[in-house]
All heavy atoms as atom14 arrays in JSON, in Angstrom:
{
  "sequence": "QRIKRDFSVCKVTDYSKVNLESEYCFVGKTDEENSLVCLTAEAPDNTT",
  "atom14_mask": [
    [1, 1, 1, 1, 1, 1, 1, 1, 1, 0, 0, 0, 0, 0],
    [1, 1, 1, 1, 1, 1, 1, 1, 1, 1, 1, 0, 0, 0],
    [1, 1, 1, 1, 1, 1, 1, 1, 0, 0, 0, 0, 0, 0],
    [1, 1, 1, 1, 1, 1, 1, 1, 1, 0, 0, 0, 0, 0],
    [1, 1, 1, 1, 1, 1, 1, 1, 1, 1, 1, 0, 0, 0],
    [1, 1, 1, 1, 1, 1, 1, 1, 0, 0, 0, 0, 0, 0],
    [1, 1, 1, 1, 1, 1, 1, 1, 1, 1, 1, 0, 0, 0],
    [1, 1, 1, 1, 1, 1, 0, 0, 0, 0, 0, 0, 0, 0],
    [1, 1, 1, 1, 1, 1, 1, 0, 0, 0, 0, 0, 0, 0],
    [1, 1, 1, 1, 1, 1, 0, 0, 0, 0, 0, 0, 0, 0],
    [1, 1, 1, 1, 1, 1, 1, 1, 1, 0, 0, 0, 0, 0],
    [1, 1, 1, 1, 1, 1, 1, 0, 0, 0, 0, 0, 0, 0],
    [1, 1, 1, 1, 1, 1, 1, 0, 0, 0, 0, 0, 0, 0],
    [1, 1, 1, 1, 1, 1, 1, 1, 0, 0, 0, 0, 0, 0],
    [1, 1, 1, 1, 1, 1, 1, 1, 1, 1, 1, 1, 0, 0],
    [1, 1, 1, 1, 1, 1, 0, 0, 0, 0, 0, 0, 0, 0],
    [1, 1, 1, 1, 1, 1, 1, 1, 1, 0, 0, 0, 0, 0],
    [1, 1, 1, 1, 1, 1, 1, 0, 0, 0, 0, 0, 0, 0],
    [1, 1, 1, 1, 1, 1, 1, 1, 0, 0, 0, 0, 0, 0],
    [1, 1, 1, 1, 1, 1, 1, 1, 0, 0, 0, 0, 0, 0],
    [1, 1, 1, 1, 1, 1, 1, 1, 1, 0, 0, 0, 0, 0],
    [1, 1, 1, 1, 1, 1, 0, 0, 0, 0, 0, 0, 0, 0],
    [1, 1, 1, 1, 1, 1, 1, 1, 1, 0, 0, 0, 0, 0],
    [1, 1, 1, 1, 1, 1, 1, 1, 1, 1, 1, 1, 0, 0],
    [1, 1, 1, 1, 1, 1, 0, 0, 0, 0, 0, 0, 0, 0],
    [1, 1, 1, 1, 1, 1, 1, 1, 1, 1, 1, 0, 0, 0],
    [1, 1, 1, 1, 1, 1, 1, 0, 0, 0, 0, 0, 0, 0],
    [1, 1, 1, 1, 0, 0, 0, 0, 0, 0, 0, 0, 0, 0],
    [1, 1, 1, 1, 1, 1, 1, 1, 1, 0, 0, 0, 0, 0],
    [1, 1, 1, 1, 1, 1, 1, 0, 0, 0, 0, 0, 0, 0],
    [1, 1, 1, 1, 1, 1, 1, 1, 0, 0, 0, 0, 0, 0],
    [1, 1, 1, 1, 1, 1, 1, 1, 1, 0, 0, 0, 0, 0],
    [1, 1, 1, 1, 1, 1, 1, 1, 1, 0, 0, 0, 0, 0],
    [1, 1, 1, 1, 1, 1, 1, 1, 0, 0, 0, 0, 0, 0],
    [1, 1, 1, 1, 1, 1, 0, 0, 0, 0, 0, 0, 0, 0],
    [1, 1, 1, 1, 1, 1, 1, 1, 0, 0, 0, 0, 0, 0],
    [1, 1, 1, 1, 1, 1, 1, 0, 0, 0, 0, 0, 0, 0],
    [1, 1, 1, 1, 1, 1, 0, 0, 0, 0, 0, 0, 0, 0],
    [1, 1, 1, 1, 1, 1, 1, 1, 0, 0, 0, 0, 0, 0],
    [1, 1, 1, 1, 1, 1, 1, 0, 0, 0, 0, 0, 0, 0],
    [1, 1, 1, 1, 1, 0, 0, 0, 0, 0, 0, 0, 0, 0],
    [1, 1, 1, 1, 1, 1, 1, 1, 1, 0, 0, 0, 0, 0],
    [1, 1, 1, 1, 1, 0, 0, 0, 0, 0, 0, 0, 0, 0],
    [1, 1, 1, 1, 1, 1, 1, 0, 0, 0, 0, 0, 0, 0],
    [1, 1, 1, 1, 1, 1, 1, 1, 0, 0, 0, 0, 0, 0],
    [1, 1, 1, 1, 1, 1, 1, 1, 0, 0, 0, 0, 0, 0],
    [1, 1, 1, 1, 1, 1, 1, 0, 0, 0, 0, 0, 0, 0],
    [1, 1, 1, 1, 1, 1, 1, 0, 0, 0, 0, 0, 0, 0]
  ],
  "atom14_positions": [
    [[-17.97, -99.67, 161.07], [-18.08, -99.56, 162.52], [-19.09, -98.37, 162.82], [-18.94, -97.3, 162.33], [-16.74, -99.22, 163.15], [-16.84, -98.92, 164.62], [-15.57, -98.42, 165.22], [-14.56, -98.01, 164.53], [-15.48, -98.36, 166.54], [0.0, 0.0, 0.0], [0.0, 0.0, 0.0], [0.0, 0.0, 0.0], [0.0, 0.0, 0.0], [0.0, 0.0, 0.0]],
    [[-20.05, -98.82, 163.61], [-21.12, -97.77, 163.94], [-20.42, -97.01, 165.19], [-19.89, -97.47, 166.05], [-22.3, -98.55, 164.56], [-23.4, -97.64, 165.06], [-24.52, -98.54, 165.48], [-25.55, -97.77, 166.11], [-26.44, -98.27, 167.0], [-26.28, -99.5, 167.45], [-27.4, -97.51, 167.51], [0.0, 0.0, 0.0], [0.0, 0.0, 0.0], [0.0, 0.0, 0.0]],
    [[-20.46, -95.73, 164.97], [-20.1, -94.73, 165.97], [-21.25, -94.11, 166.77], [-22.03, -93.39, 166.21], [-19.15, -93.62, 165.4], [-18.04, -94.17, 164.59], [-18.69, -92.6, 166.44], [-17.31, -93.2, 163.83], [0.0, 0.0, 0.0], [0.0, 0.0, 0.0], [0.0, 0.0, 0.0], [0.0, 0.0, 0.0], [0.0, 0.0, 0.0], [0.0, 0.0, 0.0]],
    [[-21.41, -94.53, 167.96], [-22.57, -94.23, 168.74], [-22.43, -92.76, 169.4], [-22.45, -92.74, 170.62], [-22.91, -95.26, 169.77], [-23.13, -96.65, 169.24], [-23.34, -97.73, 170.27], [-23.45, -99.03, 169.61], [-23.54, -100.06, 170.67], [0.0, 0.0, 0.0], [0.0, 0.0, 0.0], [0.0, 0.0, 0.0], [0.0, 0.0, 0.0], [0.0, 0.0, 0.0]],
    [[-22.37, -91.88, 168.59], [-22.24, -90.36, 169.03], [-23.08, -89.61, 168.1], [-23.33, -89.96, 166.98], [-20.78, -89.98, 168.85], [-19.71, -90.83, 169.55], [-19.69, -90.77, 171.08], [-19.43, -89.54, 171.62], [-18.27, -89.0, 171.99], [-17.21, -89.82, 171.76], [-18.04, -87.91, 172.51], [0.0, 0.0, 0.0], [0.0, 0.0, 0.0], [0.0, 0.0, 0.0]],
    [[-23.51, -88.5, 168.57], [-24.35, -87.55, 167.8], [-23.37, -86.52, 167.17], [-22.54, -85.82, 167.82], [-25.27, -86.71, 168.72], [-26.43, -87.73, 169.23], [-26.91, -88.63, 168.46], [-26.76, -87.63, 170.41], [0.0, 0.0, 0.0], [0.0, 0.0, 0.0], [0.0, 0.0, 0.0], [0.0, 0.0, 0.0], [0.0, 0.0, 0.0], [0.0, 0.0, 0.0]],
    [[-23.53, -86.33, 165.88], [-22.82, -85.34, 165.07], [-23.61, -84.15, 164.56], [-24.81, -84.33, 164.32], [-22.13, -86.05, 163.88], [-20.97, -87.01, 164.3], [-21.23, -88.34, 164.72], [-19.7, -86.61, 164.29], [-20.38, -89.23, 164.97], [-18.67, -87.47, 164.61], [-19.0, -88.79, 165.02], [0.0, 0.0, 0.0], [0.0, 0.0, 0.0], [0.0, 0.0, 0.0]],
    [[-22.94, -83.11, 164.34], [-23.53, -82.01, 163.74], [-22.72, -81.54, 162.49], [-21.52, -81.65, 162.48], [-23.55, -80.77, 164.64], [-24.5, -81.0, 165.67], [0.0, 0.0, 0.0], [0.0, 0.0, 0.0], [0.0, 0.0, 0.0], [0.0, 0.0, 0.0], [0.0, 0.0, 0.0], [0.0, 0.0, 0.0], [0.0, 0.0, 0.0], [0.0, 0.0, 0.0]],
    [[-23.39, -81.08, 161.4], [-22.69, -80.49, 160.16], [-22.93, -78.95, 160.24], [-24.15, -78.58, 160.41], [-23.35, -81.13, 158.95], [-22.65, -80.58, 157.78], [-23.1, -82.67, 159.01], [0.0, 0.0, 0.0], [0.0, 0.0, 0.0], [0.0, 0.0, 0.0], [0.0, 0.0, 0.0], [0.0, 0.0, 0.0], [0.0, 0.0, 0.0], [0.0, 0.0, 0.0]],
    [[-21.8, -78.28, 160.36], [-21.94, -76.8, 160.61], [-21.26, -75.93, 159.45], [-20.33, -76.47, 158.87], [-21.34, -76.46, 161.87], [-21.82, -77.48, 163.23], [0.0, 0.0, 0.0], [0.0, 0.0, 0.0], [0.0, 0.0, 0.0], [0.0, 0.0, 0.0], [0.0, 0.0, 0.0], [0.0, 0.0, 0.0], [0.0, 0.0, 0.0], [0.0, 0.0, 0.0]],
    [[-21.65, -74.68, 159.5], [-20.87, -73.71, 158.78], [-20.42, -72.66, 159.82], [-21.31, -72.38, 160.79], [-21.65, -72.77, 157.77], [-21.75, -73.57, 156.49], [-22.76, -72.94, 155.46], [-22.2, -71.73, 154.99], [-23.14, -71.11, 153.96], [0.0, 0.0, 0.0], [0.0, 0.0, 0.0], [0.0, 0.0, 0.0], [0.0, 0.0, 0.0], [0.0, 0.0, 0.0]],
    [[-18.99, -72.37, 159.92], [-18.57, -71.43, 161.0], [-17.92, -70.22, 160.35], [-17.48, -70.24, 159.12], [-17.55, -72.2, 161.9], [-18.24, -73.31, 162.64], [-16.38, -72.75, 160.99], [0.0, 0.0, 0.0], [0.0, 0.0, 0.0], [0.0, 0.0, 0.0], [0.0, 0.0, 0.0], [0.0, 0.0, 0.0], [0.0, 0.0, 0.0], [0.0, 0.0, 0.0]],
    [[-17.89, -69.2, 161.08], [-17.22, -67.91, 160.61], [-15.72, -68.23, 160.47], [-15.23, -67.68, 159.5], [-17.53, -66.82, 161.49], [-16.96, -67.13, 162.88], [-18.93, -66.36, 161.55], [0.0, 0.0, 0.0], [0.0, 0.0, 0.0], [0.0, 0.0, 0.0], [0.0, 0.0, 0.0], [0.0, 0.0, 0.0], [0.0, 0.0, 0.0], [0.0, 0.0, 0.0]],
    [[-15.16, -68.85, 161.33], [-13.75, -69.26, 161.26], [-13.64, -70.52, 162.16], [-14.45, -70.93, 162.9], [-12.83, -68.09, 161.66], [-13.17, -67.57, 163.03], [-12.93, -68.39, 164.01], [-13.49, -66.32, 163.21], [0.0, 0.0, 0.0], [0.0, 0.0, 0.0], [0.0, 0.0, 0.0], [0.0, 0.0, 0.0], [0.0, 0.0, 0.0], [0.0, 0.0, 0.0]],
    [[-12.3, -70.95, 162.36], [-12.06, -72.23, 163.09], [-11.39, -71.84, 164.53], [-11.04, -72.66, 165.2], [-11.12, -73.05, 162.45], [-11.73, -73.57, 161.06], [-11.21, -73.18, 159.83], [-12.84, -74.42, 161.13], [-11.88, -73.72, 158.6], [-13.47, -74.89, 159.93], [-12.9, -74.44, 158.72], [-13.45, -74.85, 157.59], [0.0, 0.0, 0.0], [0.0, 0.0, 0.0]],
    [[-11.47, -70.59, 164.98], [-10.89, -70.21, 166.18], [-11.56, -70.76, 167.36], [-10.93, -71.03, 168.47], [-10.89, -68.72, 166.41], [-12.32, -68.17, 166.36], [0.0, 0.0, 0.0], [0.0, 0.0, 0.0], [0.0, 0.0, 0.0], [0.0, 0.0, 0.0], [0.0, 0.0, 0.0], [0.0, 0.0, 0.0], [0.0, 0.0, 0.0], [0.0, 0.0, 0.0]],
    [[-12.73, -71.24, 167.3], [-13.48, -71.85, 168.51], [-13.74, -73.33, 168.35], [-14.38, -73.97, 169.14], [-14.74, -71.15, 168.79], [-14.55, -69.66, 169.03], [-15.92, -68.94, 169.39], [-15.59, -67.47, 169.82], [-16.89, -66.92, 170.31], [0.0, 0.0, 0.0], [0.0, 0.0, 0.0], [0.0, 0.0, 0.0], [0.0, 0.0, 0.0], [0.0, 0.0, 0.0]],
    [[-13.11, -73.87, 167.26], [-13.33, -75.29, 167.04], [-12.27, -76.07, 167.91], [-11.14, -75.73, 167.99], [-13.05, -75.6, 165.53], [-13.06, -77.18, 165.34], [-14.13, -74.97, 164.65], [0.0, 0.0, 0.0], [0.0, 0.0, 0.0], [0.0, 0.0, 0.0], [0.0, 0.0, 0.0], [0.0, 0.0, 0.0], [0.0, 0.0, 0.0], [0.0, 0.0, 0.0]],
    [[-12.75, -77.18, 168.53], [-11.91, -78.0, 169.39], [-11.15, -79.03, 168.43], [-11.64, -80.1, 168.2], [-12.73, -78.8, 170.37], [-11.82, -79.59, 171.3], [-10.62, -79.62, 171.12], [-12.38, -80.35, 172.01], [0.0, 0.0, 0.0], [0.0, 0.0, 0.0], [0.0, 0.0, 0.0], [0.0, 0.0, 0.0], [0.0, 0.0, 0.0], [0.0, 0.0, 0.0]],
    [[-9.98, -78.54, 167.96], [-9.22, -79.4, 167.07], [-8.63, -80.58, 167.81], [-8.13, -81.53, 167.17], [-8.12, -78.52, 166.37], [-8.61, -77.42, 165.42], [-7.51, -76.61, 165.02], [-9.43, -77.98, 164.29], [0.0, 0.0, 0.0], [0.0, 0.0, 0.0], [0.0, 0.0, 0.0], [0.0, 0.0, 0.0], [0.0, 0.0, 0.0], [0.0, 0.0, 0.0]],
    [[-8.72, -80.63, 169.08], [-8.26, -81.8, 169.75], [-9.36, -82.88, 170.03], [-9.08, -83.89, 170.62], [-7.61, -81.32, 171.12], [-6.48, -80.36, 170.97], [-5.3, -80.89, 170.33], [-4.96, -82.1, 170.49], [-4.65, -80.3, 169.46], [0.0, 0.0, 0.0], [0.0, 0.0, 0.0], [0.0, 0.0, 0.0], [0.0, 0.0, 0.0], [0.0, 0.0, 0.0]],
    [[-10.6, -82.62, 169.57], [-11.63, -83.52, 169.79], [-11.36, -84.93, 169.07], [-10.63, -84.98, 168.2], [-12.88, -82.82, 169.18], [-13.95, -83.82, 169.36], [0.0, 0.0, 0.0], [0.0, 0.0, 0.0], [0.0, 0.0, 0.0], [0.0, 0.0, 0.0], [0.0, 0.0, 0.0], [0.0, 0.0, 0.0], [0.0, 0.0, 0.0], [0.0, 0.0, 0.0]],
    [[-12.01, -85.79, 169.61], [-11.94, -87.25, 169.06], [-12.35, -87.12, 167.64], [-11.83, -88.02, 166.71], [-12.81, -88.06, 169.91], [-12.79, -89.51, 169.65], [-13.78, -90.36, 170.43], [-14.58, -89.72, 171.25], [-13.62, -91.67, 170.47], [0.0, 0.0, 0.0], [0.0, 0.0, 0.0], [0.0, 0.0, 0.0], [0.0, 0.0, 0.0], [0.0, 0.0, 0.0]],
    [[-13.35, -86.4, 167.22], [-13.82, -86.23, 165.83], [-13.98, -84.75, 165.52], [-14.8, -84.1, 166.19], [-15.31, -87.05, 165.74], [-15.23, -88.35, 166.04], [-15.6, -88.93, 167.19], [-14.76, -89.37, 165.08], [-15.54, -90.32, 167.6], [-14.68, -90.69, 165.26], [-15.17, -91.21, 166.5], [-15.12, -92.55, 166.86], [0.0, 0.0, 0.0], [0.0, 0.0, 0.0]],
    [[-13.36, -84.35, 164.51], [-13.44, -82.96, 164.09], [-12.94, -82.96, 162.58], [-11.76, -83.3, 162.34], [-12.49, -82.15, 164.9], [-12.35, -80.44, 164.33], [0.0, 0.0, 0.0], [0.0, 0.0, 0.0], [0.0, 0.0, 0.0], [0.0, 0.0, 0.0], [0.0, 0.0, 0.0], [0.0, 0.0, 0.0], [0.0, 0.0, 0.0], [0.0, 0.0, 0.0]],
    [[-13.89, -82.7, 161.67], [-13.66, -82.65, 160.3], [-13.79, -81.22, 159.83], [-14.93, -80.72, 159.93], [-14.5, -83.56, 159.5], [-14.44, -84.93, 160.06], [-15.42, -85.57, 160.91], [-13.38, -85.92, 159.58], [-15.42, -86.77, 161.4], [-13.43, -87.19, 160.03], [-14.42, -87.56, 160.89], [0.0, 0.0, 0.0], [0.0, 0.0, 0.0], [0.0, 0.0, 0.0]],
    [[-12.72, -80.59, 159.27], [-13.0, -79.19, 158.73], [-12.74, -79.23, 157.26], [-11.94, -80.0, 156.73], [-11.94, -78.25, 159.41], [-12.26, -78.11, 160.93], [-10.39, -78.69, 159.15], [0.0, 0.0, 0.0], [0.0, 0.0, 0.0], [0.0, 0.0, 0.0], [0.0, 0.0, 0.0], [0.0, 0.0, 0.0], [0.0, 0.0, 0.0], [0.0, 0.0, 0.0]],
    [[-13.47, -78.27, 156.5], [-13.23, -78.17, 155.2], [-13.42, -76.66, 154.81], [-14.35, -75.97, 155.19], [0.0, 0.0, 0.0], [0.0, 0.0, 0.0], [0.0, 0.0, 0.0], [0.0, 0.0, 0.0], [0.0, 0.0, 0.0], [0.0, 0.0, 0.0], [0.0, 0.0, 0.0], [0.0, 0.0, 0.0], [0.0, 0.0, 0.0], [0.0, 0.0, 0.0]],
    [[-12.39, -76.15, 154.12], [-12.39, -74.71, 153.86], [-12.3, -74.58, 152.44], [-11.39, -75.21, 151.69], [-11.22, -74.05, 154.46], [-11.03, -72.69, 154.26], [-10.01, -71.99, 155.09], [-9.72, -70.67, 154.97], [-10.69, -69.73, 154.22], [0.0, 0.0, 0.0], [0.0, 0.0, 0.0], [0.0, 0.0, 0.0], [0.0, 0.0, 0.0], [0.0, 0.0, 0.0]],
    [[-13.12, -73.73, 151.74], [-13.07, -73.36, 150.37], [-13.11, -71.82, 150.25], [-13.14, -71.16, 151.33], [-14.2, -73.96, 149.57], [-15.45, -73.24, 149.86], [-14.34, -75.49, 149.77], [0.0, 0.0, 0.0], [0.0, 0.0, 0.0], [0.0, 0.0, 0.0], [0.0, 0.0, 0.0], [0.0, 0.0, 0.0], [0.0, 0.0, 0.0], [0.0, 0.0, 0.0]],
    [[-13.1, -71.33, 149.09], [-13.26, -69.88, 148.89], [-14.52, -69.41, 149.18], [-14.9, -68.08, 149.35], [-12.78, -69.38, 147.46], [-13.82, -70.1, 146.4], [-14.4, -71.07, 146.74], [-13.97, -69.56, 145.27], [0.0, 0.0, 0.0], [0.0, 0.0, 0.0], [0.0, 0.0, 0.0], [0.0, 0.0, 0.0], [0.0, 0.0, 0.0], [0.0, 0.0, 0.0]],
    [[-15.59, -70.29, 149.38], [-16.98, -69.86, 149.78], [-17.37, -70.25, 151.19], [-18.39, -69.54, 151.63], [-17.95, -70.59, 148.79], [-17.72, -70.18, 147.38], [-18.78, -70.92, 146.41], [-19.34, -71.96, 146.89], [-18.98, -70.55, 145.33], [0.0, 0.0, 0.0], [0.0, 0.0, 0.0], [0.0, 0.0, 0.0], [0.0, 0.0, 0.0], [0.0, 0.0, 0.0]],
    [[-16.69, -71.01, 151.94], [-17.16, -71.43, 153.25], [-16.15, -72.1, 154.13], [-15.25, -72.54, 153.67], [-18.48, -72.25, 153.13], [-18.19, -73.65, 152.53], [-19.38, -74.54, 152.38], [-19.95, -74.87, 153.59], [-19.64, -74.99, 151.34], [0.0, 0.0, 0.0], [0.0, 0.0, 0.0], [0.0, 0.0, 0.0], [0.0, 0.0, 0.0], [0.0, 0.0, 0.0]],
    [[-16.43, -72.11, 155.34], [-15.73, -72.86, 156.41], [-16.7, -73.93, 156.92], [-17.74, -73.55, 157.55], [-15.22, -71.98, 157.47], [-14.3, -70.88, 156.97], [-13.4, -71.18, 156.24], [-14.41, -69.66, 157.51], [0.0, 0.0, 0.0], [0.0, 0.0, 0.0], [0.0, 0.0, 0.0], [0.0, 0.0, 0.0], [0.0, 0.0, 0.0], [0.0, 0.0, 0.0]],
    [[-16.47, -75.16, 156.61], [-17.38, -76.22, 157.13], [-16.82, -76.99, 158.24], [-15.51, -77.2, 158.27], [-17.71, -77.25, 155.96], [-18.53, -76.59, 154.9], [0.0, 0.0, 0.0], [0.0, 0.0, 0.0], [0.0, 0.0, 0.0], [0.0, 0.0, 0.0], [0.0, 0.0, 0.0], [0.0, 0.0, 0.0], [0.0, 0.0, 0.0], [0.0, 0.0, 0.0]],
    [[-17.55, -77.67, 159.07], [-17.29, -78.42, 160.25], [-18.2, -79.55, 160.43], [-19.33, -79.29, 160.35], [-17.18, -77.46, 161.47], [-17.07, -78.15, 162.86], [-15.54, -78.72, 162.92], [-17.22, -77.04, 163.89], [0.0, 0.0, 0.0], [0.0, 0.0, 0.0], [0.0, 0.0, 0.0], [0.0, 0.0, 0.0], [0.0, 0.0, 0.0], [0.0, 0.0, 0.0]],
    [[-17.65, -80.73, 160.62], [-18.39, -81.87, 161.09], [-17.86, -82.16, 162.52], [-16.57, -82.37, 162.68], [-18.37, -83.03, 160.22], [-19.18, -84.25, 160.89], [-18.95, -82.73, 158.9], [0.0, 0.0, 0.0], [0.0, 0.0, 0.0], [0.0, 0.0, 0.0], [0.0, 0.0, 0.0], [0.0, 0.0, 0.0], [0.0, 0.0, 0.0], [0.0, 0.0, 0.0]],
    [[-18.65, -82.11, 163.59], [-18.04, -82.34, 164.89], [-19.17, -83.05, 165.8], [-20.32, -83.16, 165.33], [-17.76, -80.99, 165.62], [-19.14, -79.88, 165.79], [0.0, 0.0, 0.0], [0.0, 0.0, 0.0], [0.0, 0.0, 0.0], [0.0, 0.0, 0.0], [0.0, 0.0, 0.0], [0.0, 0.0, 0.0], [0.0, 0.0, 0.0], [0.0, 0.0, 0.0]],
    [[-18.78, -83.42, 166.87], [-19.64, -83.91, 167.84], [-20.61, -82.75, 168.23], [-20.25, -81.66, 168.49], [-18.94, -84.41, 169.13], [-18.09, -85.71, 169.0], [-17.17, -85.99, 170.14], [-18.84, -86.95, 168.49], [0.0, 0.0, 0.0], [0.0, 0.0, 0.0], [0.0, 0.0, 0.0], [0.0, 0.0, 0.0], [0.0, 0.0, 0.0], [0.0, 0.0, 0.0]],
    [[-21.89, -83.11, 168.31], [-22.84, -82.15, 168.65], [-22.62, -81.4, 169.84], [-22.74, -80.03, 169.89], [-24.3, -82.77, 168.7], [-24.64, -83.38, 167.46], [-25.39, -81.76, 169.02], [0.0, 0.0, 0.0], [0.0, 0.0, 0.0], [0.0, 0.0, 0.0], [0.0, 0.0, 0.0], [0.0, 0.0, 0.0], [0.0, 0.0, 0.0], [0.0, 0.0, 0.0]],
    [[-22.17, -81.99, 170.91], [-21.94, -81.33, 172.23], [-20.73, -80.36, 172.07], [-20.52, -79.58, 172.93], [-21.55, -82.39, 173.25], [0.0, 0.0, 0.0], [0.0, 0.0, 0.0], [0.0, 0.0, 0.0], [0.0, 0.0, 0.0], [0.0, 0.0, 0.0], [0.0, 0.0, 0.0], [0.0, 0.0, 0.0], [0.0, 0.0, 0.0], [0.0, 0.0, 0.0]],
    [[-20.02, -80.53, 171.02], [-18.79, -79.6, 170.89], [-18.79, -78.6, 169.78], [-17.91, -77.99, 169.31], [-17.58, -80.45, 170.58], [-17.2, -81.28, 171.75], [-15.97, -82.2, 171.53], [-15.29, -82.04, 170.51], [-15.61, -82.97, 172.45], [0.0, 0.0, 0.0], [0.0, 0.0, 0.0], [0.0, 0.0, 0.0], [0.0, 0.0, 0.0], [0.0, 0.0, 0.0]],
    [[-20.09, -78.46, 169.11], [-20.37, -77.32, 168.12], [-20.13, -76.0, 168.68], [-20.49, -75.66, 169.77], [-21.72, -77.43, 167.68], [0.0, 0.0, 0.0], [0.0, 0.0, 0.0], [0.0, 0.0, 0.0], [0.0, 0.0, 0.0], [0.0, 0.0, 0.0], [0.0, 0.0, 0.0], [0.0, 0.0, 0.0], [0.0, 0.0, 0.0], [0.0, 0.0, 0.0]],
    [[-19.18, -75.18, 168.04], [-18.76, -73.89, 168.63], [-19.89, -72.92, 168.46], [-20.83, -73.03, 167.69], [-17.66, -73.48, 167.81], [-17.8, -74.29, 166.49], [-18.53, -75.5, 166.8], [0.0, 0.0, 0.0], [0.0, 0.0, 0.0], [0.0, 0.0, 0.0], [0.0, 0.0, 0.0], [0.0, 0.0, 0.0], [0.0, 0.0, 0.0], [0.0, 0.0, 0.0]],
    [[-19.8, -71.75, 169.22], [-20.79, -70.82, 169.23], [-20.6, -69.83, 168.08], [-21.45, -68.9, 167.96], [-20.97, -70.03, 170.57], [-19.67, -69.3, 170.93], [-18.64, -69.2, 170.08], [-19.52, -68.96, 172.17], [0.0, 0.0, 0.0], [0.0, 0.0, 0.0], [0.0, 0.0, 0.0], [0.0, 0.0, 0.0], [0.0, 0.0, 0.0], [0.0, 0.0, 0.0]],
    [[-19.78, -69.98, 167.19], [-19.51, -69.07, 166.1], [-20.13, -69.83, 164.83], [-19.67, -69.53, 163.66], [-18.15, -68.57, 165.84], [-17.18, -69.74, 165.6], [-17.43, -70.87, 165.72], [-16.01, -69.31, 165.01], [0.0, 0.0, 0.0], [0.0, 0.0, 0.0], [0.0, 0.0, 0.0], [0.0, 0.0, 0.0], [0.0, 0.0, 0.0], [0.0, 0.0, 0.0]],
    [[-21.01, -70.73, 165.05], [-21.69, -71.4, 163.88], [-22.67, -70.52, 163.28], [-23.48, -69.99, 164.12], [-22.31, -72.68, 164.56], [-21.3, -73.58, 165.01], [-23.23, -73.39, 163.42], [0.0, 0.0, 0.0], [0.0, 0.0, 0.0], [0.0, 0.0, 0.0], [0.0, 0.0, 0.0], [0.0, 0.0, 0.0], [0.0, 0.0, 0.0], [0.0, 0.0, 0.0]],
    [[-22.71, -70.43, 161.97], [-23.67, -69.59, 161.38], [-24.85, -70.4, 160.76], [-25.95, -69.89, 160.72], [-23.1, -68.84, 160.09], [-22.52, -69.67, 159.2], [-22.03, -67.92, 160.64], [0.0, 0.0, 0.0], [0.0, 0.0, 0.0], [0.0, 0.0, 0.0], [0.0, 0.0, 0.0], [0.0, 0.0, 0.0], [0.0, 0.0, 0.0], [0.0, 0.0, 0.0]]
  ]
}
């Protein structure tokens, strides 16, 4: 299924500003980074 939305792949300082209620929100956390895939319009301002 083609999803006709624009996405961003981000690194964030933490997840406090991530909209976890969004239709699409993928988070990945390791000992080295906090990653986020989200709708471009919803990318948080704590993106590094």
